[in-house]
């Protein structure tokens, strides 16, 4: 992961654009897509502070946020498994082996 902003931007391409009608409806109603987007963003930040700019405090903070949200949604996705363009279509029972490496898209 060269740049955190590039990864978050690539992941965001599959969701509604920021401040669009769909984004605002998701935000106000706290829909499924809102929580999925939030999970992916926390996952990317955890990866960044784990592998590319090591900071134990921020790593632990984002890991904790991701795991709490993952428990609600039914996910277990370890940091570093996915490349750019991650899109999760639904919540519930998604478990990825921490040693798995999944490429772009």
PDB file of N, CA and C in Angstrom:
ATOM      1  N   UNK A   1       0.859  -1.168   0.000  1.00  0.00           N
ATOM      2  CA  UNK A   1       0.000   0.000   0.000  1.00  0.00           C
ATOM      3  C   UNK A   1       0.902   1.226   0.000  1.00  0.00           C
ATOM      4  N   UNK A   2       0.997   1.851  -1.118  1.00  0.00           N
ATOM      5  CA  UNK A   2       1.884   2.991  -1.258  1.00  0.00           C
ATOM      6  C   UNK A   2       1.278   4.223  -0.603  1.00  0.00           C
ATOM      7  N   UNK A   3       0.008   4.443  -0.819  1.00  0.00           N
ATOM      8  CA  UNK A   3      -0.616   5.661  -0.353  1.00  0.00           C
ATOM      9  C   UNK A   3      -2.011   5.336   0.177  1.00  0.00           C
ATOM     10  N   UNK A   4      -2.280   5.734   1.400  1.00  0.00           N
ATOM     11  CA  UNK A   4      -3.577   5.462   2.026  1.00  0.00           C
ATOM     12  C   UNK A   4      -4.716   6.092   1.242  1.00  0.00           C
ATOM     13  N   UNK A   5      -4.524   7.317   0.772  1.00  0.00           N
ATOM     14  CA  UNK A   5      -5.590   8.014   0.038  1.00  0.00           C
ATOM     15  C   UNK A   5      -5.933   7.303  -1.265  1.00  0.00           C
ATOM     16  N   UNK A   6      -4.927   6.757  -1.948  1.00  0.00           N
ATOM     17  CA  UNK A   6      -5.187   6.028  -3.198  1.00  0.00           C
ATOM     18  C   UNK A   6      -6.041   4.797  -2.943  1.00  0.00           C
ATOM     19  N   UNK A   7      -5.725   4.068  -1.901  1.00  0.00           N
ATOM     20  CA  UNK A   7      -6.480   2.854  -1.591  1.00  0.00           C
ATOM     21  C   UNK A   7      -7.913   3.179  -1.192  1.00  0.00           C
ATOM     22  N   UNK A   8      -8.085   4.175  -0.338  1.00  0.00           N
ATOM     23  CA  UNK A   8      -9.439   4.545   0.081  1.00  0.00           C
ATOM     24  C   UNK A   8     -10.228   5.068  -1.109  1.00  0.00           C
ATOM     25  N   UNK A   9      -9.589   5.838  -1.985  1.00  0.00           N
ATOM     26  CA  UNK A   9     -10.272   6.342  -3.179  1.00  0.00           C
ATOM     27  C   UNK A   9     -10.673   5.194  -4.106  1.00  0.00           C
ATOM     28  N   UNK A  10      -9.793   4.222  -4.305  1.00  0.00           N
ATOM     29  CA  UNK A  10     -10.106   3.074  -5.170  1.00  0.00           C
ATOM     30  C   UNK A  10     -11.250   2.248  -4.589  1.00  0.00           C
ATOM     31  N   UNK A  11     -11.276   2.097  -3.268  1.00  0.00           N
ATOM     32  CA  UNK A  11     -12.365   1.355  -2.631  1.00  0.00           C
ATOM     33  C   UNK A  11     -13.671   2.138  -2.689  1.00  0.00           C
ATOM     34  N   UNK A  12     -13.571   3.452  -2.624  1.00  0.00           N
ATOM     35  CA  UNK A  12     -14.761   4.298  -2.612  1.00  0.00           C
ATOM     36  C   UNK A  12     -15.439   4.365  -3.986  1.00  0.00           C
ATOM     37  N   UNK A  13     -14.724   4.029  -5.040  1.00  0.00           N
ATOM     38  CA  UNK A  13     -15.285   4.118  -6.393  1.00  0.00           C
ATOM     39  C   UNK A  13     -16.519   3.234  -6.561  1.00  0.00           C
ATOM     40  N   UNK A  14     -16.616   2.145  -5.810  1.00  0.00           N
ATOM     41  CA  UNK A  14     -17.745   1.233  -5.938  1.00  0.00           C
ATOM     42  C   UNK A  14     -18.949   1.652  -5.108  1.00  0.00           C
ATOM     43  N   UNK A  15     -18.785   2.624  -4.237  1.00  0.00           N
ATOM     44  CA  UNK A  15     -19.885   3.099  -3.403  1.00  0.00           C
ATOM     45  C   UNK A  15     -20.376   4.440  -3.947  1.00  0.00           C
ATOM     46  N   UNK A  16     -21.420   4.988  -3.340  1.00  0.00           N
ATOM     47  CA  UNK A  16     -21.924   6.292  -3.779  1.00  0.00           C
ATOM     48  C   UNK A  16     -20.862   7.366  -3.577  1.00  0.00           C
ATOM     49  N   UNK A  17     -20.791   8.353  -4.487  1.00  0.00           N
ATOM     50  CA  UNK A  17     -19.843   9.462  -4.311  1.00  0.00           C
ATOM     51  C   UNK A  17     -20.180  10.274  -3.058  1.00  0.00           C
ATOM     52  N   UNK A  18     -19.167  10.871  -2.472  1.00  0.00           N
ATOM     53  CA  UNK A  18     -19.336  11.670  -1.263  1.00  0.00           C
ATOM     54  C   UNK A  18     -20.300  12.823  -1.519  1.00  0.00           C
ATOM     55  N   UNK A  19     -21.224  13.036  -0.607  1.00  0.00           N
ATOM     56  CA  UNK A  19     -22.250  14.082  -0.629  1.00  0.00           C
ATOM     57  C   UNK A  19     -23.236  13.953  -1.787  1.00  0.00           C
ATOM     58  N   UNK A  20     -23.327  12.801  -2.401  1.00  0.00           N
ATOM     59  CA  UNK A  20     -24.374  12.573  -3.399  1.00  0.00           C
ATOM     60  C   UNK A  20     -25.664  12.230  -2.659  1.00  0.00           C
ATOM     61  N   UNK A  21     -26.759  12.175  -3.389  1.00  0.00           N
ATOM     62  CA  UNK A  21     -28.054  11.867  -2.782  1.00  0.00           C
ATOM     63  C   UNK A  21     -28.025  10.488  -2.115  1.00  0.00           C
ATOM     64  N   UNK A  22     -27.451   9.502  -2.797  1.00  0.00           N
ATOM     65  CA  UNK A  22     -27.366   8.153  -2.241  1.00  0.00           C
ATOM     66  C   UNK A  22     -26.515   8.099  -0.985  1.00  0.00           C
ATOM     67  N   UNK A  23     -25.387   8.839  -0.996  1.00  0.00           N
ATOM     68  CA  UNK A  23     -24.510   8.871   0.172  1.00  0.00           C
ATOM     69  C   UNK A  23     -25.225   9.484   1.367  1.00  0.00           C
ATOM     70  N   UNK A  24     -25.916  10.601   1.146  1.00  0.00           N
ATOM     71  CA  UNK A  24     -26.616  11.262   2.246  1.00  0.00           C
ATOM     72  C   UNK A  24     -27.739  10.397   2.804  1.00  0.00           C
ATOM     73  N   UNK A  25     -28.446   9.679   1.934  1.00  0.00           N
ATOM     74  CA  UNK A  25     -29.505   8.781   2.402  1.00  0.00           C
ATOM     75  C   UNK A  25     -28.900   7.644   3.224  1.00  0.00           C
ATOM     76  N   UNK A  26     -27.785   7.092   2.765  1.00  0.00           N
ATOM     77  CA  UNK A  26     -27.105   6.038   3.526  1.00  0.00           C
ATOM     78  C   UNK A  26     -26.669   6.554   4.893  1.00  0.00           C
ATOM     79  N   UNK A  27     -26.126   7.762   4.912  1.00  0.00           N
ATOM     80  CA  UNK A  27     -25.634   8.342   6.156  1.00  0.00           C
ATOM     81  C   UNK A  27     -26.769   8.616   7.136  1.00  0.00           C
ATOM     82  N   UNK A  28     -27.837   9.215   6.644  1.00  0.00           N
ATOM     83  CA  UNK A  28     -28.954   9.567   7.521  1.00  0.00           C
ATOM     84  C   UNK A  28     -29.708   8.345   8.024  1.00  0.00           C
ATOM     85  N   UNK A  29     -29.883   7.356   7.162  1.00  0.00           N
ATOM     86  CA  UNK A  29     -30.646   6.163   7.533  1.00  0.00           C
ATOM     87  C   UNK A  29     -29.771   5.048   8.096  1.00  0.00           C
ATOM     88  N   UNK A  30     -28.449   5.250   8.061  1.00  0.00           N
ATOM     89  CA  UNK A  30     -27.487   4.241   8.527  1.00  0.00           C
ATOM     90  C   UNK A  30     -27.775   2.882   7.887  1.00  0.00           C
ATOM     91  N   UNK A  31     -27.782   2.865   6.575  1.00  0.00           N
ATOM     92  CA  UNK A  31     -28.094   1.650   5.829  1.00  0.00           C
ATOM     93  C   UNK A  31     -26.916   0.676   5.847  1.00  0.00           C
ATOM     94  N   UNK A  32     -27.135  -0.473   5.247  1.00  0.00           N
ATOM     95  CA  UNK A  32     -26.117  -1.522   5.157  1.00  0.00           C
ATOM     96  C   UNK A  32     -24.850  -1.002   4.478  1.00  0.00           C
ATOM     97  N   UNK A  33     -25.012  -0.256   3.397  1.00  0.00           N
ATOM     98  CA  UNK A  33     -23.853   0.252   2.658  1.00  0.00           C
ATOM     99  C   UNK A  33     -23.023   1.225   3.489  1.00  0.00           C
ATOM    100  N   UNK A  34     -23.676   1.989   4.352  1.00  0.00           N
ATOM    101  CA  UNK A  34     -22.954   2.909   5.236  1.00  0.00           C
ATOM    102  C   UNK A  34     -21.999   2.139   6.135  1.00  0.00           C
ATOM    103  N   UNK A  35     -22.479   1.056   6.759  1.00  0.00           N
ATOM    104  CA  UNK A  35     -21.652   0.270   7.671  1.00  0.00           C
ATOM    105  C   UNK A  35     -20.560  -0.479   6.917  1.00  0.00           C
ATOM    106  N   UNK A  36     -20.855  -0.957   5.716  1.00  0.00           N
ATOM    107  CA  UNK A  36     -19.840  -1.654   4.922  1.00  0.00           C
ATOM    108  C   UNK A  36     -18.717  -0.701   4.520  1.00  0.00           C
ATOM    109  N   UNK A  37     -19.088   0.512   4.101  1.00  0.00           N
ATOM    110  CA  UNK A  37     -18.090   1.514   3.724  1.00  0.00           C
ATOM    111  C   UNK A  37     -17.209   1.859   4.927  1.00  0.00           C
ATOM    112  N   UNK A  38     -17.825   1.988   6.083  1.00  0.00           N
ATOM    113  CA  UNK A  38     -17.089   2.320   7.300  1.00  0.00           C
ATOM    114  C   UNK A  38     -16.113   1.195   7.678  1.00  0.00           C
ATOM    115  N   UNK A  39     -16.546  -0.054   7.513  1.00  0.00           N
ATOM    116  CA  UNK A  39     -15.675  -1.194   7.807  1.00  0.00           C
ATOM    117  C   UNK A  39     -14.452  -1.194   6.889  1.00  0.00           C
ATOM    118  N   UNK A  40     -14.669  -0.991   5.596  1.00  0.00           N
ATOM    119  CA  UNK A  40     -13.562  -1.008   4.629  1.00  0.00           C
ATOM    120  C   UNK A  40     -12.582   0.132   4.924  1.00  0.00           C
ATOM    121  N   UNK A  41     -13.090   1.293   5.282  1.00  0.00           N
ATOM    122  CA  UNK A  41     -12.217   2.427   5.586  1.00  0.00           C
ATOM    123  C   UNK A  41     -11.360   2.136   6.820  1.00  0.00           C
ATOM    124  N   UNK A  42     -11.961   1.548   7.847  1.00  0.00           N
ATOM    125  CA  UNK A  42     -11.189   1.187   9.043  1.00  0.00           C
ATOM    126  C   UNK A  42     -10.174   0.091   8.742  1.00  0.00           C
ATOM    127  N   UNK A  43     -10.533  -0.852   7.882  1.00  0.00           N
ATOM    128  CA  UNK A  43      -9.604  -1.906   7.468  1.00  0.00           C
ATOM    129  C   UNK A  43      -8.389  -1.296   6.773  1.00  0.00           C
ATOM    130  N   UNK A  44      -8.612  -0.369   5.858  1.00  0.00           N
ATOM    131  CA  UNK A  44      -7.502   0.266   5.131  1.00  0.00           C
ATOM    132  C   UNK A  44      -6.606   1.076   6.061  1.00  0.00           C
ATOM    133  N   UNK A  45      -7.197   1.763   7.024  1.00  0.00           N
ATOM    134  CA  UNK A  45      -6.376   2.541   7.960  1.00  0.00           C
ATOM    135  C   UNK A  45      -5.560   1.624   8.863  1.00  0.00           C
ATOM    136  N   UNK A  46      -6.159   0.507   9.271  1.00  0.00           N
ATOM    137  CA  UNK A  46      -5.392  -0.460  10.070  1.00  0.00           C
ATOM    138  C   UNK A  46      -4.211  -0.999   9.272  1.00  0.00           C
ATOM    139  N   UNK A  47      -4.428  -1.335   7.999  1.00  0.00           N
ATOM    140  CA  UNK A  47      -3.339  -1.825   7.149  1.00  0.00           C
ATOM    141  C   UNK A  47      -2.234  -0.786   7.027  1.00  0.00           C
ATOM    142  N   UNK A  48      -2.613   0.459   6.840  1.00  0.00           N
ATOM    143  CA  UNK A  48      -1.635   1.529   6.663  1.00  0.00           C
ATOM    144  C   UNK A  48      -0.751   1.667   7.903  1.00  0.00           C
ATOM    145  N   UNK A  49      -1.365   1.703   9.075  1.00  0.00           N
ATOM    146  CA  UNK A  49      -0.593   1.894  10.302  1.00  0.00           C
ATOM    147  C   UNK A  49       0.075   0.614  10.790  1.00  0.00           C
ATOM    148  N   UNK A  50      -0.246  -0.522  10.178  1.00  0.00           N
ATOM    149  CA  UNK A  50       0.420  -1.775  10.524  1.00  0.00           C
ATOM    150  C   UNK A  50       1.657  -1.990   9.661  1.00  0.00           C
ATOM    151  N   UNK A  51       1.529  -1.809   8.345  1.00  0.00           N
ATOM    152  CA  UNK A  51       2.588  -2.193   7.410  1.00  0.00           C
ATOM    153  C   UNK A  51       3.413  -1.036   6.863  1.00  0.00           C
ATOM    154  N   UNK A  52       2.827   0.123   6.650  1.00  0.00           N
ATOM    155  CA  UNK A  52       3.508   1.152   5.871  1.00  0.00           C
ATOM    156  C   UNK A  52       3.962   2.355   6.668  1.00  0.00           C
ATOM    157  N   UNK A  53       3.289   2.641   7.742  1.00  0.00           N
ATOM    158  CA  UNK A  53       3.734   3.711   8.622  1.00  0.00           C
ATOM    159  C   UNK A  53       3.476   3.230  10.047  1.00  0.00           C
ATOM    160  N   UNK A  54       4.329   2.322  10.540  1.00  0.00           N
ATOM    161  CA  UNK A  54       4.056   1.668  11.821  1.00  0.00           C
ATOM    162  C   UNK A  54       3.850   2.656  12.972  1.00  0.00           C
ATOM    163  N   UNK A  55       2.693   2.538  13.574  1.00  0.00           N
ATOM    164  CA  UNK A  55       2.343   3.337  14.736  1.00  0.00           C
ATOM    165  C   UNK A  55       1.451   2.450  15.594  1.00  0.00           C
ATOM    166  N   UNK A  56       1.979   1.950  16.696  1.00  0.00           N
ATOM    167  CA  UNK A  56       1.263   0.953  17.487  1.00  0.00           C
ATOM    168  C   UNK A  56      -0.052   1.483  18.047  1.00  0.00           C
ATOM    169  N   UNK A  57      -0.072   2.725  18.461  1.00  0.00           N
ATOM    170  CA  UNK A  57      -1.288   3.283  19.048  1.00  0.00           C
ATOM    171  C   UNK A  57      -2.405   3.386  18.013  1.00  0.00           C
ATOM    172  N   UNK A  58      -2.107   3.964  16.842  1.00  0.00           N
ATOM    173  CA  UNK A  58      -3.128   4.088  15.798  1.00  0.00           C
ATOM    174  C   UNK A  58      -3.506   2.732  15.221  1.00  0.00           C
ATOM    175  N   UNK A  59      -2.545   1.826  15.119  1.00  0.00           N
ATOM    176  CA  UNK A  59      -2.848   0.471  14.650  1.00  0.00           C
ATOM    177  C   UNK A  59      -3.862  -0.186  15.576  1.00  0.00           C
ATOM    178  N   UNK A  60      -3.613  -0.116  16.870  1.00  0.00           N
ATOM    179  CA  UNK A  60      -4.517  -0.723  17.837  1.00  0.00           C
ATOM    180  C   UNK A  60      -5.892  -0.057  17.788  1.00  0.00           C
ATOM    181  N   UNK A  61      -5.924   1.269  17.665  1.00  0.00           N
ATOM    182  CA  UNK A  61      -7.188   2.012  17.615  1.00  0.00           C
ATOM    183  C   UNK A  61      -8.045   1.565  16.428  1.00  0.00           C
ATOM    184  N   UNK A  62      -7.459   1.555  15.219  1.00  0.00           N
ATOM    185  CA  UNK A  62      -8.235   1.170  14.032  1.00  0.00           C
ATOM    186  C   UNK A  62      -8.535  -0.326  14.006  1.00  0.00           C
ATOM    187  N   UNK A  63      -7.642  -1.129  14.551  1.00  0.00           N
ATOM    188  CA  UNK A  63      -7.909  -2.567  14.636  1.00  0.00           C
ATOM    189  C   UNK A  63      -9.111  -2.815  15.546  1.00  0.00           C
ATOM    190  N   UNK A  64      -9.173  -2.113  16.644  1.00  0.00           N
ATOM    191  CA  UNK A  64     -10.288  -2.250  17.586  1.00  0.00           C
ATOM    192  C   UNK A  64     -11.600  -1.794  16.948  1.00  0.00           C
ATOM    193  N   UNK A  65     -11.575  -0.631  16.275  1.00  0.00           N
ATOM    194  CA  UNK A  65     -12.787  -0.139  15.601  1.00  0.00           C
ATOM    195  C   UNK A  65     -13.263  -1.126  14.540  1.00  0.00           C
ATOM    196  N   UNK A  66     -12.323  -1.644  13.749  1.00  0.00           N
ATOM    197  CA  UNK A  66     -12.665  -2.601  12.695  1.00  0.00           C
ATOM    198  C   UNK A  66     -13.241  -3.881  13.285  1.00  0.00           C
ATOM    199  N   UNK A  67     -12.635  -4.384  14.346  1.00  0.00           N
ATOM    200  CA  UNK A  67     -13.102  -5.635  14.934  1.00  0.00           C
ATOM    201  C   UNK A  67     -14.468  -5.494  15.602  1.00  0.00           C
ATOM    202  N   UNK A  68     -14.738  -4.371  16.238  1.00  0.00           N
ATOM    203  CA  UNK A  68     -16.058  -4.145  16.839  1.00  0.00           C
ATOM    204  C   UNK A  68     -17.113  -4.091  15.747  1.00  0.00           C
ATOM    205  N   UNK A  69     -16.838  -3.345  14.687  1.00  0.00           N
ATOM    206  CA  UNK A  69     -17.783  -3.255  13.573  1.00  0.00           C
ATOM    207  C   UNK A  69     -17.895  -4.589  12.849  1.00  0.00           C
ATOM    208  N   UNK A  70     -16.780  -5.293  12.704  1.00  0.00           N
ATOM    209  CA  UNK A  70     -16.792  -6.611  12.072  1.00  0.00           C
ATOM    210  C   UNK A  70     -17.620  -7.615  12.852  1.00  0.00           C
ATOM    211  N   UNK A  71     -17.585  -7.526  14.158  1.00  0.00           N
ATOM    212  CA  UNK A  71     -18.396  -8.422  14.981  1.00  0.00           C
ATOM    213  C   UNK A  71     -19.887  -8.150  14.765  1.00  0.00           C
ATOM    214  N   UNK A  72     -20.255  -6.883  14.629  1.00  0.00           N
ATOM    215  CA  UNK A  72     -21.656  -6.523  14.358  1.00  0.00           C
ATOM    216  C   UNK A  72     -22.106  -7.050  12.998  1.00  0.00           C
ATOM    217  N   UNK A  73     -21.226  -6.913  12.007  1.00  0.00           N
ATOM    218  CA  UNK A  73     -21.580  -7.271  10.636  1.00  0.00           C
ATOM    219  C   UNK A  73     -21.341  -8.742  10.318  1.00  0.00           C
ATOM    220  N   UNK A  74     -20.568  -9.434  11.129  1.00  0.00           N
ATOM    221  CA  UNK A  74     -20.285 -10.850  10.899  1.00  0.00           C
ATOM    222  C   UNK A  74     -19.067 -11.089  10.034  1.00  0.00           C
ATOM    223  N   UNK A  75     -18.078 -10.198  10.090  1.00  0.00           N
ATOM    224  CA  UNK A  75     -16.883 -10.300   9.262  1.00  0.00           C
ATOM    225  C   UNK A  75     -15.679 -10.686  10.102  1.00  0.00           C
ATOM    226  N   UNK A  76     -14.751 -11.401   9.474  1.00  0.00           N
ATOM    227  CA  UNK A  76     -13.387 -11.516   9.978  1.00  0.00           C
ATOM    228  C   UNK A  76     -12.480 -11.403   8.769  1.00  0.00           C
ATOM    229  N   UNK A  77     -11.907 -10.225   8.586  1.00  0.00           N
ATOM    230  CA  UNK A  77     -10.979  -9.972   7.488  1.00  0.00           C
ATOM    231  C   UNK A  77      -9.720  -9.383   8.113  1.00  0.00           C
ATOM    232  N   UNK A  78      -8.619 -10.075   7.974  1.00  0.00           N
ATOM    233  CA  UNK A  78      -7.353  -9.613   8.546  1.00  0.00           C
ATOM    234  C   UNK A  78      -6.751  -8.517   7.670  1.00  0.00           C
ATOM    235  N   UNK A  79      -5.918  -7.699   8.279  1.00  0.00           N
ATOM    236  CA  UNK A  79      -5.237  -6.632   7.546  1.00  0.00           C
ATOM    237  C   UNK A  79      -4.255  -7.235   6.551  1.00  0.00           C
ATOM    238  N   UNK A  80      -4.198  -6.666   5.355  1.00  0.00           N
ATOM    239  CA  UNK A  80      -3.231  -7.088   4.351  1.00  0.00           C
ATOM    240  C   UNK A  80      -3.704  -8.180   3.417  1.00  0.00           C
ATOM    241  N   UNK A  81      -4.952  -8.578   3.487  1.00  0.00           N
ATOM    242  CA  UNK A  81      -5.455  -9.665   2.627  1.00  0.00           C
ATOM    243  C   UNK A  81      -5.856  -9.166   1.239  1.00  0.00           C
ATOM    244  N   UNK A  82      -6.374  -7.961   1.153  1.00  0.00           N
ATOM    245  CA  UNK A  82      -6.929  -7.464  -0.105  1.00  0.00           C
ATOM    246  C   UNK A  82      -6.104  -6.323  -0.669  1.00  0.00           C
ATOM    247  N   UNK A  83      -6.063  -6.260  -2.003  1.00  0.00           N
ATOM    248  CA  UNK A  83      -5.429  -5.148  -2.696  1.00  0.00           C
ATOM    249  C   UNK A  83      -6.501  -4.089  -2.975  1.00  0.00           C
ATOM    250  N   UNK A  84      -6.203  -3.129  -3.834  1.00  0.00           N
ATOM    251  CA  UNK A  84      -7.142  -2.043  -4.140  1.00  0.00           C
ATOM    252  C   UNK A  84      -8.453  -2.560  -4.713  1.00  0.00           C
ATOM    253  N   UNK A  85      -9.508  -1.780  -4.518  1.00  0.00           N
ATOM    254  CA  UNK A  85     -10.788  -2.064  -5.148  1.00  0.00           C
ATOM    255  C   UNK A  85     -11.660  -3.046  -4.388  1.00  0.00           C
ATOM    256  N   UNK A  86     -11.526  -3.111  -3.077  1.00  0.00           N
ATOM    257  CA  UNK A  86     -12.339  -4.027  -2.275  1.00  0.00           C
ATOM    258  C   UNK A  86     -13.778  -3.530  -2.223  1.00  0.00           C
ATOM    259  N   UNK A  87     -14.700  -4.406  -2.523  1.00  0.00           N
ATOM    260  CA  UNK A  87     -16.134  -4.092  -2.444  1.00  0.00           C
ATOM    261  C   UNK A  87     -16.816  -5.256  -1.740  1.00  0.00           C
ATOM    262  N   UNK A  88     -17.525  -4.966  -0.667  1.00  0.00           N
ATOM    263  CA  UNK A  88     -18.290  -5.976   0.058  1.00  0.00           C
ATOM    264  C   UNK A  88     -19.759  -5.676  -0.218  1.00  0.00           C
ATOM    265  N   UNK A  89     -20.483  -6.664  -0.737  1.00  0.00           N
ATOM    266  CA  UNK A  89     -21.856  -6.439  -1.172  1.00  0.00           C
ATOM    267  C   UNK A  89     -22.897  -6.667  -0.087  1.00  0.00           C
ATOM    268  N   UNK A  90     -22.585  -7.430   0.935  1.00  0.00           N
ATOM    269  CA  UNK A  90     -23.578  -7.719   1.973  1.00  0.00           C
ATOM    270  C   UNK A  90     -22.860  -8.009   3.282  1.00  0.00           C
ATOM    271  N   UNK A  91     -23.591  -7.950   4.368  1.00  0.00           N
ATOM    272  CA  UNK A  91     -22.993  -8.318   5.644  1.00  0.00           C
ATOM    273  C   UNK A  91     -23.432  -9.720   6.033  1.00  0.00           C
ATOM    274  N   UNK A  92     -22.711 -10.310   6.958  1.00  0.00           N
ATOM    275  CA  UNK A  92     -23.041 -11.632   7.466  1.00  0.00           C
ATOM    276  C   UNK A  92     -22.054 -12.691   7.027  1.00  0.00           C
ATOM    277  N   UNK A  93     -21.431 -13.334   7.978  1.00  0.00           N
ATOM    278  CA  UNK A  93     -20.589 -14.521   7.805  1.00  0.00           C
ATOM    279  C   UNK A  93     -19.609 -14.452   6.634  1.00  0.00           C
ATOM    280  N   UNK A  94     -18.662 -13.568   6.732  1.00  0.00           N
ATOM    281  CA  UNK A  94     -17.557 -13.523   5.777  1.00  0.00           C
ATOM    282  C   UNK A  94     -16.278 -13.721   6.586  1.00  0.00           C
ATOM    283  N   UNK A  95     -15.585 -14.816   6.324  1.00  0.00           N
ATOM    284  CA  UNK A  95     -14.350 -15.123   7.035  1.00  0.00           C
ATOM    285  C   UNK A  95     -13.261 -15.358   5.997  1.00  0.00           C
ATOM    286  N   UNK A  96     -12.199 -14.578   6.086  1.00  0.00           N
ATOM    287  CA  UNK A  96     -11.077 -14.674   5.159  1.00  0.00           C
ATOM    288  C   UNK A  96      -9.855 -15.147   5.946  1.00  0.00           C
ATOM    289  N   UNK A  97      -9.174 -16.152   5.435  1.00  0.00           N
ATOM    290  CA  UNK A  97      -7.960 -16.648   6.064  1.00  0.00           C
ATOM    291  C   UNK A  97      -6.917 -15.524   6.085  1.00  0.00           C
ATOM    292  N   UNK A  98      -6.291 -15.263   7.236  1.00  0.00           N
ATOM    293  CA  UNK A  98      -5.301 -14.184   7.311  1.00  0.00           C
ATOM    294  C   UNK A  98      -4.112 -14.355   6.368  1.00  0.00           C
ATOM    295  N   UNK A  99      -3.838 -15.572   5.903  1.00  0.00           N
ATOM    296  CA  UNK A  99      -2.716 -15.806   4.994  1.00  0.00           C
ATOM    297  C   UNK A  99      -3.114 -15.649   3.529  1.00  0.00           C
ATOM    298  N   UNK A 100      -4.388 -15.431   3.251  1.00  0.00           N
ATOM    299  CA  UNK A 100      -4.862 -15.292   1.867  1.00  0.00           C
ATOM    300  C   UNK A 100      -4.443 -13.937   1.302  1.00  0.00           C
ATOM    301  N   UNK A 101      -4.144 -13.919   0.013  1.00  0.00           N
ATOM    302  CA  UNK A 101      -3.827 -12.681  -0.700  1.00  0.00           C
ATOM    303  C   UNK A 101      -4.745 -12.595  -1.908  1.00  0.00           C
ATOM    304  N   UNK A 102      -5.574 -11.567  -1.957  1.00  0.00           N
ATOM    305  CA  UNK A 102      -6.523 -11.391  -3.051  1.00  0.00           C
ATOM    306  C   UNK A 102      -6.108 -10.141  -3.811  1.00  0.00           C
ATOM    307  N   UNK A 103      -5.955 -10.248  -5.134  1.00  0.00           N
ATOM    308  CA  UNK A 103      -5.451  -9.154  -5.963  1.00  0.00           C
ATOM    309  C   UNK A 103      -6.462  -8.060  -6.205  1.00  0.00           C
ATOM    310  N   UNK A 104      -6.115  -7.169  -7.111  1.00  0.00           N
ATOM    311  CA  UNK A 104      -6.991  -6.051  -7.449  1.00  0.00           C
ATOM    312  C   UNK A 104      -8.294  -6.564  -8.034  1.00  0.00           C
ATOM    313  N   UNK A 105      -9.390  -5.933  -7.590  1.00  0.00           N
ATOM    314  CA  UNK A 105     -10.755  -6.254  -8.040  1.00  0.00           C
ATOM    315  C   UNK A 105     -11.007  -7.735  -7.935  1.00  0.00           C
TER     316      UNK A 105
END
